[in-house]
Amino acid sequence: GETFAGVPLEEGVAAVEDLQRVVPEELTLAQFALRWIL
């Protein structure tokens, strides 16, 4: 679970592609993830 949060890499990459579609223009994906947490 400490590596890729336990997500199989291929599945994670596919999920990232889906998630990218909802990231606001002013944020990077990393900033979106951090803002989501905060």
PDB file of all heavy atoms in Angstrom:
ATOM      1  N   GLY A   1       0.794  -1.218   0.000  1.00  0.00           N
ATOM      2  CA  GLY A   1       0.000   0.000   0.000  1.00  0.00           C
ATOM      3  C   GLY A   1       0.830   1.274   0.000  1.00  0.00           C
ATOM      4  O   GLY A   1       0.311   2.356  -0.299  1.00  0.00           O
ATOM      5  N   GLU A   2       2.125   1.175   0.331  1.00  0.00           N
ATOM      6  CA  GLU A   2       3.009   2.340   0.324  1.00  0.00           C
ATOM      7  C   GLU A   2       3.490   2.676  -1.087  1.00  0.00           C
ATOM      8  O   GLU A   2       4.060   3.751  -1.298  1.00  0.00           O
ATOM      9  CB  GLU A   2       4.224   2.091   1.223  1.00  0.00           C
ATOM     10  CG  GLU A   2       3.888   1.761   2.664  1.00  0.00           C
ATOM     11  CD  GLU A   2       3.398   2.963   3.453  1.00  0.00           C
ATOM     12  OE1 GLU A   2       3.601   4.098   2.981  1.00  0.00           O
ATOM     13  OE2 GLU A   2       2.817   2.765   4.531  1.00  0.00           O
ATOM     14  N   THR A   3       3.316   1.771  -2.028  1.00  0.00           N
ATOM     15  CA  THR A   3       3.788   1.959  -3.403  1.00  0.00           C
ATOM     16  C   THR A   3       2.583   2.120  -4.321  1.00  0.00           C
ATOM     17  O   THR A   3       1.739   1.226  -4.417  1.00  0.00           O
ATOM     18  CB  THR A   3       4.640   0.744  -3.845  1.00  0.00           C
ATOM     19  OG1 THR A   3       5.767   0.631  -2.958  1.00  0.00           O
ATOM     20  CG2 THR A   3       5.132   0.914  -5.269  1.00  0.00           C
ATOM     21  N   PHE A   4       2.489   3.287  -4.963  1.00  0.00           N
ATOM     22  CA  PHE A   4       1.322   3.637  -5.785  1.00  0.00           C
ATOM     23  C   PHE A   4       0.018   3.516  -5.000  1.00  0.00           C
ATOM     24  O   PHE A   4      -1.042   3.231  -5.567  1.00  0.00           O
ATOM     25  CB  PHE A   4       1.265   2.793  -7.059  1.00  0.00           C
ATOM     26  CG  PHE A   4       2.472   2.929  -7.940  1.00  0.00           C
ATOM     27  CD1 PHE A   4       3.151   1.808  -8.416  1.00  0.00           C
ATOM     28  CD2 PHE A   4       2.946   4.171  -8.315  1.00  0.00           C
ATOM     29  CE1 PHE A   4       4.262   1.930  -9.241  1.00  0.00           C
ATOM     30  CE2 PHE A   4       4.064   4.308  -9.133  1.00  0.00           C
ATOM     31  CZ  PHE A   4       4.726   3.185  -9.592  1.00  0.00           C
ATOM     32  N   ALA A   5       0.121   3.699  -3.651  1.00  0.00           N
ATOM     33  CA  ALA A   5      -1.047   3.605  -2.767  1.00  0.00           C
ATOM     34  C   ALA A   5      -1.736   2.246  -2.857  1.00  0.00           C
ATOM     35  O   ALA A   5      -2.909   2.108  -2.503  1.00  0.00           O
ATOM     36  CB  ALA A   5      -2.040   4.735  -3.048  1.00  0.00           C
ATOM     37  N   GLY A   6      -1.004   1.233  -3.341  1.00  0.00           N
ATOM     38  CA  GLY A   6      -1.557  -0.109  -3.450  1.00  0.00           C
ATOM     39  C   GLY A   6      -2.316  -0.378  -4.728  1.00  0.00           C
ATOM     40  O   GLY A   6      -2.849  -1.475  -4.925  1.00  0.00           O
ATOM     41  N   VAL A   7      -2.353   0.606  -5.626  1.00  0.00           N
ATOM     42  CA  VAL A   7      -3.102   0.468  -6.877  1.00  0.00           C
ATOM     43  C   VAL A   7      -2.201  -0.175  -7.937  1.00  0.00           C
ATOM     44  O   VAL A   7      -1.071   0.280  -8.133  1.00  0.00           O
ATOM     45  CB  VAL A   7      -3.571   1.846  -7.381  1.00  0.00           C
ATOM     46  CG1 VAL A   7      -4.342   1.716  -8.685  1.00  0.00           C
ATOM     47  CG2 VAL A   7      -4.422   2.532  -6.317  1.00  0.00           C
ATOM     48  N   PRO A   8      -2.644  -1.217  -8.631  1.00  0.00           N
ATOM     49  CA  PRO A   8      -1.852  -1.753  -9.738  1.00  0.00           C
ATOM     50  C   PRO A   8      -1.544  -0.644 -10.743  1.00  0.00           C
ATOM     51  O   PRO A   8      -2.427   0.166 -11.076  1.00  0.00           O
ATOM     52  CB  PRO A   8      -2.762  -2.829 -10.341  1.00  0.00           C
ATOM     53  CG  PRO A   8      -3.682  -3.212  -9.225  1.00  0.00           C
ATOM     54  CD  PRO A   8      -3.907  -1.962  -8.438  1.00  0.00           C
ATOM     55  N   LEU A   9      -0.304  -0.586 -11.209  1.00  0.00           N
ATOM     56  CA  LEU A   9       0.134   0.549 -12.006  1.00  0.00           C
ATOM     57  C   LEU A   9      -0.750   0.782 -13.222  1.00  0.00           C
ATOM     58  O   LEU A   9      -1.148   1.919 -13.515  1.00  0.00           O
ATOM     59  CB  LEU A   9       1.593   0.352 -12.434  1.00  0.00           C
ATOM     60  CG  LEU A   9       2.207   1.485 -13.258  1.00  0.00           C
ATOM     61  CD1 LEU A   9       2.118   2.812 -12.535  1.00  0.00           C
ATOM     62  CD2 LEU A   9       3.658   1.157 -13.605  1.00  0.00           C
ATOM     63  N   GLU A  10      -1.055  -0.265 -13.965  1.00  0.00           N
ATOM     64  CA  GLU A  10      -1.836  -0.081 -15.190  1.00  0.00           C
ATOM     65  C   GLU A  10      -3.221   0.487 -14.882  1.00  0.00           C
ATOM     66  O   GLU A  10      -3.713   1.371 -15.595  1.00  0.00           O
ATOM     67  CB  GLU A  10      -1.964  -1.412 -15.945  1.00  0.00           C
ATOM     68  CG  GLU A  10      -0.646  -1.963 -16.486  1.00  0.00           C
ATOM     69  CD  GLU A  10       0.217  -2.619 -15.425  1.00  0.00           C
ATOM     70  OE1 GLU A  10      -0.265  -2.794 -14.276  1.00  0.00           O
ATOM     71  OE2 GLU A  10       1.384  -2.943 -15.719  1.00  0.00           O
ATOM     72  N   GLU A  11      -3.856  -0.017 -13.832  1.00  0.00           N
ATOM     73  CA  GLU A  11      -5.166   0.501 -13.436  1.00  0.00           C
ATOM     74  C   GLU A  11      -5.061   1.947 -12.968  1.00  0.00           C
ATOM     75  O   GLU A  11      -5.929   2.779 -13.241  1.00  0.00           O
ATOM     76  CB  GLU A  11      -5.771  -0.362 -12.328  1.00  0.00           C
ATOM     77  CG  GLU A  11      -6.290  -1.705 -12.804  1.00  0.00           C
ATOM     78  CD  GLU A  11      -7.423  -1.553 -13.806  1.00  0.00           C
ATOM     79  OE1 GLU A  11      -8.280  -0.667 -13.625  1.00  0.00           O
ATOM     80  OE2 GLU A  11      -7.442  -2.317 -14.784  1.00  0.00           O
ATOM     81  N   GLY A  12      -3.985   2.245 -12.273  1.00  0.00           N
ATOM     82  CA  GLY A  12      -3.785   3.602 -11.803  1.00  0.00           C
ATOM     83  C   GLY A  12      -3.614   4.590 -12.939  1.00  0.00           C
ATOM     84  O   GLY A  12      -4.163   5.701 -12.904  1.00  0.00           O
ATOM     85  N   VAL A  13      -2.866   4.206 -13.941  1.00  0.00           N
ATOM     86  CA  VAL A  13      -2.661   5.078 -15.099  1.00  0.00           C
ATOM     87  C   VAL A  13      -3.981   5.350 -15.811  1.00  0.00           C
ATOM     88  O   VAL A  13      -4.281   6.488 -16.207  1.00  0.00           O
ATOM     89  CB  VAL A  13      -1.626   4.455 -16.055  1.00  0.00           C
ATOM     90  CG1 VAL A  13      -1.590   5.210 -17.383  1.00  0.00           C
ATOM     91  CG2 VAL A  13      -0.239   4.455 -15.410  1.00  0.00           C
ATOM     92  N   ALA A  14      -4.799   4.313 -15.971  1.00  0.00           N
ATOM     93  CA  ALA A  14      -6.108   4.497 -16.612  1.00  0.00           C
ATOM     94  C   ALA A  14      -6.999   5.413 -15.776  1.00  0.00           C
ATOM     95  O   ALA A  14      -7.720   6.268 -16.314  1.00  0.00           O
ATOM     96  CB  ALA A  14      -6.776   3.140 -16.818  1.00  0.00           C
ATOM     97  N   ALA A  15      -6.951   5.254 -14.452  1.00  0.00           N
ATOM     98  CA  ALA A  15      -7.766   6.095 -13.581  1.00  0.00           C
ATOM     99  C   ALA A  15      -7.305   7.549 -13.635  1.00  0.00           C
ATOM    100  O   ALA A  15      -8.129   8.473 -13.579  1.00  0.00           O
ATOM    101  CB  ALA A  15      -7.706   5.575 -12.149  1.00  0.00           C
ATOM    102  N   VAL A  16      -5.992   7.761 -13.741  1.00  0.00           N
ATOM    103  CA  VAL A  16      -5.461   9.127 -13.857  1.00  0.00           C
ATOM    104  C   VAL A  16      -6.013   9.806 -15.110  1.00  0.00           C
ATOM    105  O   VAL A  16      -6.376  10.992 -15.085  1.00  0.00           O
ATOM    106  CB  VAL A  16      -3.918   9.105 -13.867  1.00  0.00           C
ATOM    107  CG1 VAL A  16      -3.363  10.428 -14.405  1.00  0.00           C
ATOM    108  CG2 VAL A  16      -3.390   8.849 -12.465  1.00  0.00           C
ATOM    109  N   GLU A  17      -6.097   9.077 -16.196  1.00  0.00           N
ATOM    110  CA  GLU A  17      -6.643   9.653 -17.438  1.00  0.00           C
ATOM    111  C   GLU A  17      -8.083  10.120 -17.224  1.00  0.00           C
ATOM    112  O   GLU A  17      -8.486  11.187 -17.704  1.00  0.00           O
ATOM    113  CB  GLU A  17      -6.570   8.627 -18.565  1.00  0.00           C
ATOM    114  CG  GLU A  17      -5.144   8.306 -18.999  1.00  0.00           C
ATOM    115  CD  GLU A  17      -5.106   7.264 -20.093  1.00  0.00           C
ATOM    116  OE1 GLU A  17      -6.199   6.786 -20.507  1.00  0.00           O
ATOM    117  OE2 GLU A  17      -4.000   6.907 -20.547  1.00  0.00           O
ATOM    118  N   ASP A  18      -8.862   9.335 -16.490  1.00  0.00           N
ATOM    119  CA  ASP A  18     -10.242   9.730 -16.195  1.00  0.00           C
ATOM    120  C   ASP A  18     -10.282  10.946 -15.275  1.00  0.00           C
ATOM    121  O   ASP A  18     -11.092  11.863 -15.462  1.00  0.00           O
ATOM    122  CB  ASP A  18     -10.996   8.568 -15.537  1.00  0.00           C
ATOM    123  CG  ASP A  18     -11.271   7.423 -16.508  1.00  0.00           C
ATOM    124  OD1 ASP A  18     -11.097   7.618 -17.728  1.00  0.00           O
ATOM    125  OD2 ASP A  18     -11.650   6.333 -16.032  1.00  0.00           O
ATOM    126  N   LEU A  19      -9.409  10.942 -14.275  1.00  0.00           N
ATOM    127  CA  LEU A  19      -9.418  12.027 -13.301  1.00  0.00           C
ATOM    128  C   LEU A  19      -8.981  13.353 -13.923  1.00  0.00           C
ATOM    129  O   LEU A  19      -9.485  14.422 -13.550  1.00  0.00           O
ATOM    130  CB  LEU A  19      -8.499  11.654 -12.132  1.00  0.00           C
ATOM    131  CG  LEU A  19      -8.638  12.468 -10.839  1.00  0.00           C
ATOM    132  CD1 LEU A  19     -10.044  12.353 -10.265  1.00  0.00           C
ATOM    133  CD2 LEU A  19      -7.597  11.989  -9.815  1.00  0.00           C
ATOM    134  N   GLN A  20      -8.048  13.280 -14.866  1.00  0.00           N
ATOM    135  CA  GLN A  20      -7.555  14.497 -15.510  1.00  0.00           C
ATOM    136  C   GLN A  20      -8.699  15.321 -16.099  1.00  0.00           C
ATOM    137  O   GLN A  20      -8.615  16.551 -16.167  1.00  0.00           O
ATOM    138  CB  GLN A  20      -6.575  14.130 -16.628  1.00  0.00           C
ATOM    139  CG  GLN A  20      -5.207  13.645 -16.154  1.00  0.00           C
ATOM    140  CD  GLN A  20      -4.212  14.783 -15.921  1.00  0.00           C
ATOM    141  OE1 GLN A  20      -4.615  15.922 -15.721  1.00  0.00           O
ATOM    142  NE2 GLN A  20      -2.931  14.470 -15.980  1.00  0.00           N
ATOM    143  N   ARG A  21      -9.762  14.664 -16.517  1.00  0.00           N
ATOM    144  CA  ARG A  21     -10.859  15.353 -17.193  1.00  0.00           C
ATOM    145  C   ARG A  21     -11.634  16.279 -16.257  1.00  0.00           C
ATOM    146  O   ARG A  21     -12.369  17.152 -16.726  1.00  0.00           O
ATOM    147  CB  ARG A  21     -11.818  14.324 -17.810  1.00  0.00           C
ATOM    148  CG  ARG A  21     -11.154  13.418 -18.848  1.00  0.00           C
ATOM    149  CD  ARG A  21     -12.178  12.541 -19.558  1.00  0.00           C
ATOM    150  NE  ARG A  21     -11.528  11.630 -20.493  1.00  0.00           N
ATOM    151  CZ  ARG A  21     -11.320  10.339 -20.254  1.00  0.00           C
ATOM    152  NH1 ARG A  21     -11.743   9.804 -19.112  1.00  0.00           N
ATOM    153  NH2 ARG A  21     -10.718   9.582 -21.141  1.00  0.00           N
ATOM    154  N   VAL A  22     -11.492  16.092 -14.941  1.00  0.00           N
ATOM    155  CA  VAL A  22     -12.248  16.937 -14.015  1.00  0.00           C
ATOM    156  C   VAL A  22     -11.363  17.943 -13.284  1.00  0.00           C
ATOM    157  O   VAL A  22     -11.836  18.648 -12.403  1.00  0.00           O
ATOM    158  CB  VAL A  22     -13.018  16.075 -12.988  1.00  0.00           C
ATOM    159  CG1 VAL A  22     -13.934  15.111 -13.705  1.00  0.00           C
ATOM    160  CG2 VAL A  22     -12.084  15.332 -12.039  1.00  0.00           C
ATOM    161  N   VAL A  23     -10.088  18.027 -13.671  1.00  0.00           N
ATOM    162  CA  VAL A  23      -9.169  18.972 -13.022  1.00  0.00           C
ATOM    163  C   VAL A  23      -9.388  20.368 -13.604  1.00  0.00           C
ATOM    164  O   VAL A  23      -9.348  20.541 -14.827  1.00  0.00           O
ATOM    165  CB  VAL A  23      -7.703  18.533 -13.232  1.00  0.00           C
ATOM    166  CG1 VAL A  23      -6.746  19.568 -12.642  1.00  0.00           C
ATOM    167  CG2 VAL A  23      -7.473  17.163 -12.596  1.00  0.00           C
ATOM    168  N   PRO A  24      -9.604  21.374 -12.770  1.00  0.00           N
ATOM    169  CA  PRO A  24      -9.777  22.731 -13.294  1.00  0.00           C
ATOM    170  C   PRO A  24      -8.530  23.204 -14.035  1.00  0.00           C
ATOM    171  O   PRO A  24      -7.410  22.762 -13.733  1.00  0.00           O
ATOM    172  CB  PRO A  24     -10.007  23.574 -12.032  1.00  0.00           C
ATOM    173  CG  PRO A  24     -10.414  22.610 -10.975  1.00  0.00           C
ATOM    174  CD  PRO A  24      -9.754  21.310 -11.311  1.00  0.00           C
ATOM    175  N   GLU A  25      -8.717  24.101 -14.980  1.00  0.00           N
ATOM    176  CA  GLU A  25      -7.603  24.565 -15.803  1.00  0.00           C
ATOM    177  C   GLU A  25      -6.484  25.181 -14.984  1.00  0.00           C
ATOM    178  O   GLU A  25      -5.311  25.092 -15.356  1.00  0.00           O
ATOM    179  CB  GLU A  25      -8.104  25.584 -16.837  1.00  0.00           C
ATOM    180  CG  GLU A  25      -8.963  24.987 -17.935  1.00  0.00           C
ATOM    181  CD  GLU A  25      -9.336  26.023 -18.977  1.00  0.00           C
ATOM    182  OE1 GLU A  25      -8.872  27.184 -18.859  1.00  0.00           O
ATOM    183  OE2 GLU A  25     -10.099  25.685 -19.905  1.00  0.00           O
ATOM    184  N   GLU A  26      -6.839  25.830 -13.883  1.00  0.00           N
ATOM    185  CA  GLU A  26      -5.835  26.549 -13.102  1.00  0.00           C
ATOM    186  C   GLU A  26      -5.005  25.649 -12.197  1.00  0.00           C
ATOM    187  O   GLU A  26      -4.042  26.099 -11.557  1.00  0.00           O
ATOM    188  CB  GLU A  26      -6.495  27.646 -12.257  1.00  0.00           C
ATOM    189  CG  GLU A  26      -7.414  27.153 -11.152  1.00  0.00           C
ATOM    190  CD  GLU A  26      -8.854  26.962 -11.611  1.00  0.00           C
ATOM    191  OE1 GLU A  26      -9.085  26.840 -12.833  1.00  0.00           O
ATOM    192  OE2 GLU A  26      -9.746  26.925 -10.732  1.00  0.00           O
ATOM    193  N   LEU A  27      -5.346  24.365 -12.111  1.00  0.00           N
ATOM    194  CA  LEU A  27      -4.643  23.429 -11.245  1.00  0.00           C
ATOM    195  C   LEU A  27      -3.924  22.360 -12.042  1.00  0.00           C
ATOM    196  O   LEU A  27      -4.418  21.910 -13.083  1.00  0.00           O
ATOM    197  CB  LEU A  27      -5.625  22.726 -10.301  1.00  0.00           C
ATOM    198  CG  LEU A  27      -6.410  23.559  -9.295  1.00  0.00           C
ATOM    199  CD1 LEU A  27      -7.320  22.661  -8.478  1.00  0.00           C
ATOM    200  CD2 LEU A  27      -5.488  24.319  -8.388  1.00  0.00           C
ATOM    201  N   THR A  28      -2.757  21.945 -11.549  1.00  0.00           N
ATOM    202  CA  THR A  28      -2.155  20.719 -12.065  1.00  0.00           C
ATOM    203  C   THR A  28      -2.862  19.535 -11.406  1.00  0.00           C
ATOM    204  O   THR A  28      -3.589  19.699 -10.415  1.00  0.00           O
ATOM    205  CB  THR A  28      -0.657  20.659 -11.738  1.00  0.00           C
ATOM    206  OG1 THR A  28      -0.502  20.565 -10.304  1.00  0.00           O
ATOM    207  CG2 THR A  28       0.077  21.897 -12.261  1.00  0.00           C
ATOM    208  N   LEU A  29      -2.632  18.349 -11.922  1.00  0.00           N
ATOM    209  CA  LEU A  29      -3.235  17.162 -11.309  1.00  0.00           C
ATOM    210  C   LEU A  29      -2.757  17.009  -9.869  1.00  0.00           C
ATOM    211  O   LEU A  29      -3.549  16.685  -8.976  1.00  0.00           O
ATOM    212  CB  LEU A  29      -2.900  15.915 -12.125  1.00  0.00           C
ATOM    213  CG  LEU A  29      -3.422  14.586 -11.559  1.00  0.00           C
ATOM    214  CD1 LEU A  29      -4.940  14.588 -11.474  1.00  0.00           C
ATOM    215  CD2 LEU A  29      -2.926  13.416 -12.410  1.00  0.00           C
ATOM    216  N   ALA A  30      -1.463  17.242  -9.631  1.00  0.00           N
ATOM    217  CA  ALA A  30      -0.936  17.128  -8.269  1.00  0.00           C
ATOM    218  C   ALA A  30      -1.612  18.125  -7.344  1.00  0.00           C
ATOM    219  O   ALA A  30      -1.998  17.791  -6.209  1.00  0.00           O
ATOM    220  CB  ALA A  30       0.573  17.339  -8.264  1.00  0.00           C
ATOM    221  N   GLN A  31      -1.793  19.348  -7.787  1.00  0.00           N
ATOM    222  CA  GLN A  31      -2.475  20.343  -6.965  1.00  0.00           C
ATOM    223  C   GLN A  31      -3.923  19.967  -6.723  1.00  0.00           C
ATOM    224  O   GLN A  31      -4.459  20.188  -5.630  1.00  0.00           O
ATOM    225  CB  GLN A  31      -2.379  21.716  -7.625  1.00  0.00           C
ATOM    226  CG  GLN A  31      -0.984  22.317  -7.598  1.00  0.00           C
ATOM    227  CD  GLN A  31      -0.875  23.581  -8.412  1.00  0.00           C
ATOM    228  OE1 GLN A  31      -1.589  23.753  -9.412  1.00  0.00           O
ATOM    229  NE2 GLN A  31       0.004  24.475  -8.020  1.00  0.00           N
ATOM    230  N   PHE A  32      -4.555  19.399  -7.719  1.00  0.00           N
ATOM    231  CA  PHE A  32      -5.936  18.926  -7.553  1.00  0.00           C
ATOM    232  C   PHE A  32      -6.000  17.877  -6.447  1.00  0.00           C
ATOM    233  O   PHE A  32      -6.866  17.927  -5.566  1.00  0.00           O
ATOM    234  CB  PHE A  32      -6.445  18.346  -8.871  1.00  0.00           C
ATOM    235  CG  PHE A  32      -7.828  17.746  -8.794  1.00  0.00           C
ATOM    236  CD1 PHE A  32      -8.953  18.531  -8.999  1.00  0.00           C
ATOM    237  CD2 PHE A  32      -8.006  16.396  -8.533  1.00  0.00           C
ATOM    238  CE1 PHE A  32     -10.234  17.987  -8.924  1.00  0.00           C
ATOM    239  CE2 PHE A  32      -9.274  15.836  -8.462  1.00  0.00           C
ATOM    240  CZ  PHE A  32     -10.394  16.640  -8.664  1.00  0.00           C
ATOM    241  N   ALA A  33      -5.075  16.909  -6.479  1.00  0.00           N
ATOM    242  CA  ALA A  33      -5.073  15.855  -5.465  1.00  0.00           C
ATOM    243  C   ALA A  33      -4.840  16.426  -4.073  1.00  0.00           C
ATOM    244  O   ALA A  33      -5.510  16.030  -3.105  1.00  0.00           O
ATOM    245  CB  ALA A  33      -4.009  14.811  -5.797  1.00  0.00           C
ATOM    246  N   LEU A  34      -3.908  17.363  -3.948  1.00  0.00           N
ATOM    247  CA  LEU A  34      -3.619  17.957  -2.646  1.00  0.00           C
ATOM    248  C   LEU A  34      -4.781  18.816  -2.148  1.00  0.00           C
ATOM    249  O   LEU A  34      -5.130  18.789  -0.965  1.00  0.00           O
ATOM    250  CB  LEU A  34      -2.334  18.783  -2.723  1.00  0.00           C
ATOM    251  CG  LEU A  34      -1.057  17.979  -3.001  1.00  0.00           C
ATOM    252  CD1 LEU A  34       0.112  18.914  -3.283  1.00  0.00           C
ATOM    253  CD2 LEU A  34      -0.725  17.048  -1.828  1.00  0.00           C
ATOM    254  N   ARG A  35      -5.380  19.581  -3.074  1.00  0.00           N
ATOM    255  CA  ARG A  35      -6.525  20.394  -2.694  1.00  0.00           C
ATOM    256  C   ARG A  35      -7.693  19.504  -2.275  1.00  0.00           C
ATOM    257  O   ARG A  35      -8.411  19.820  -1.316  1.00  0.00           O
ATOM    258  CB  ARG A  35      -6.935  21.294  -3.860  1.00  0.00           C
ATOM    259  CG  ARG A  35      -8.041  22.302  -3.601  1.00  0.00           C
ATOM    260  CD  ARG A  35      -7.642  23.326  -2.569  1.00  0.00           C
ATOM    261  NE  ARG A  35      -8.249  23.039  -1.275  1.00  0.00           N
ATOM    262  CZ  ARG A  35      -7.951  23.721  -0.177  1.00  0.00           C
ATOM    263  NH1 ARG A  35      -7.057  24.703  -0.211  1.00  0.00           N
ATOM    264  NH2 ARG A  35      -8.529  23.421   0.968  1.00  0.00           N
ATOM    265  N   TRP A  36      -7.887  18.394  -2.984  1.00  0.00           N
ATOM    266  CA  TRP A  36      -8.933  17.428  -2.635  1.00  0.00           C
ATOM    267  C   TRP A  36      -8.737  16.961  -1.192  1.00  0.00           C
ATOM    268  O   TRP A  36      -9.690  16.901  -0.404  1.00  0.00           O
ATOM    269  CB  TRP A  36      -8.882  16.257  -3.606  1.00  0.00           C
ATOM    270  CG  TRP A  36      -9.914  15.199  -3.418  1.00  0.00           C
ATOM    271  CD1 TRP A  36     -11.145  15.121  -4.002  1.00  0.00           C
ATOM    272  CD2 TRP A  36      -9.801  14.041  -2.562  1.00  0.00           C
ATOM    273  NE1 TRP A  36     -11.802  13.995  -3.569  1.00  0.00           N
ATOM    274  CE2 TRP A  36     -11.013  13.315  -2.693  1.00  0.00           C
ATOM    275  CE3 TRP A  36      -8.810  13.559  -1.718  1.00  0.00           C
ATOM    276  CZ2 TRP A  36     -11.239  12.129  -2.001  1.00  0.00           C
ATOM    277  CZ3 TRP A  36      -9.034  12.379  -1.013  1.00  0.00           C
ATOM    278  CH2 TRP A  36     -10.247  11.672  -1.162  1.00  0.00           C
ATOM    279  N   ILE A  37      -7.511  16.650  -0.823  1.00  0.00           N
ATOM    280  CA  ILE A  37      -7.209  16.197   0.537  1.00  0.00           C
ATOM    281  C   ILE A  37      -7.488  17.301   1.550  1.00  0.00           C
ATOM    282  O   ILE A  37      -8.111  17.073   2.592  1.00  0.00           O
ATOM    283  CB  ILE A  37      -5.737  15.741   0.630  1.00  0.00           C
ATOM    284  CG1 ILE A  37      -5.513  14.472  -0.209  1.00  0.00           C
ATOM    285  CG2 ILE A  37      -5.328  15.504   2.080  1.00  0.00           C
ATOM    286  CD1 ILE A  37      -4.050  14.156  -0.472  1.00  0.00           C
ATOM    287  N   LEU A  38      -7.038  18.512   1.249  1.00  0.00           N
ATOM    288  CA  LEU A  38      -7.183  19.621   2.189  1.00  0.00           C
ATOM    289  C   LEU A  38      -8.635  20.046   2.377  1.00  0.00           C
ATOM    290  O   LEU A  38      -8.952  20.736   3.351  1.00  0.00           O
ATOM    291  CB  LEU A  38      -6.339  20.807   1.730  1.00  0.00           C
ATOM    292  CG  LEU A  38      -4.825  20.604   1.800  1.00  0.00           C
ATOM    293  CD1 LEU A  38      -4.102  21.780   1.157  1.00  0.00           C
ATOM    294  CD2 LEU A  38      -4.368  20.407   3.250  1.00  0.00           C
TER     295      LEU A  38
END
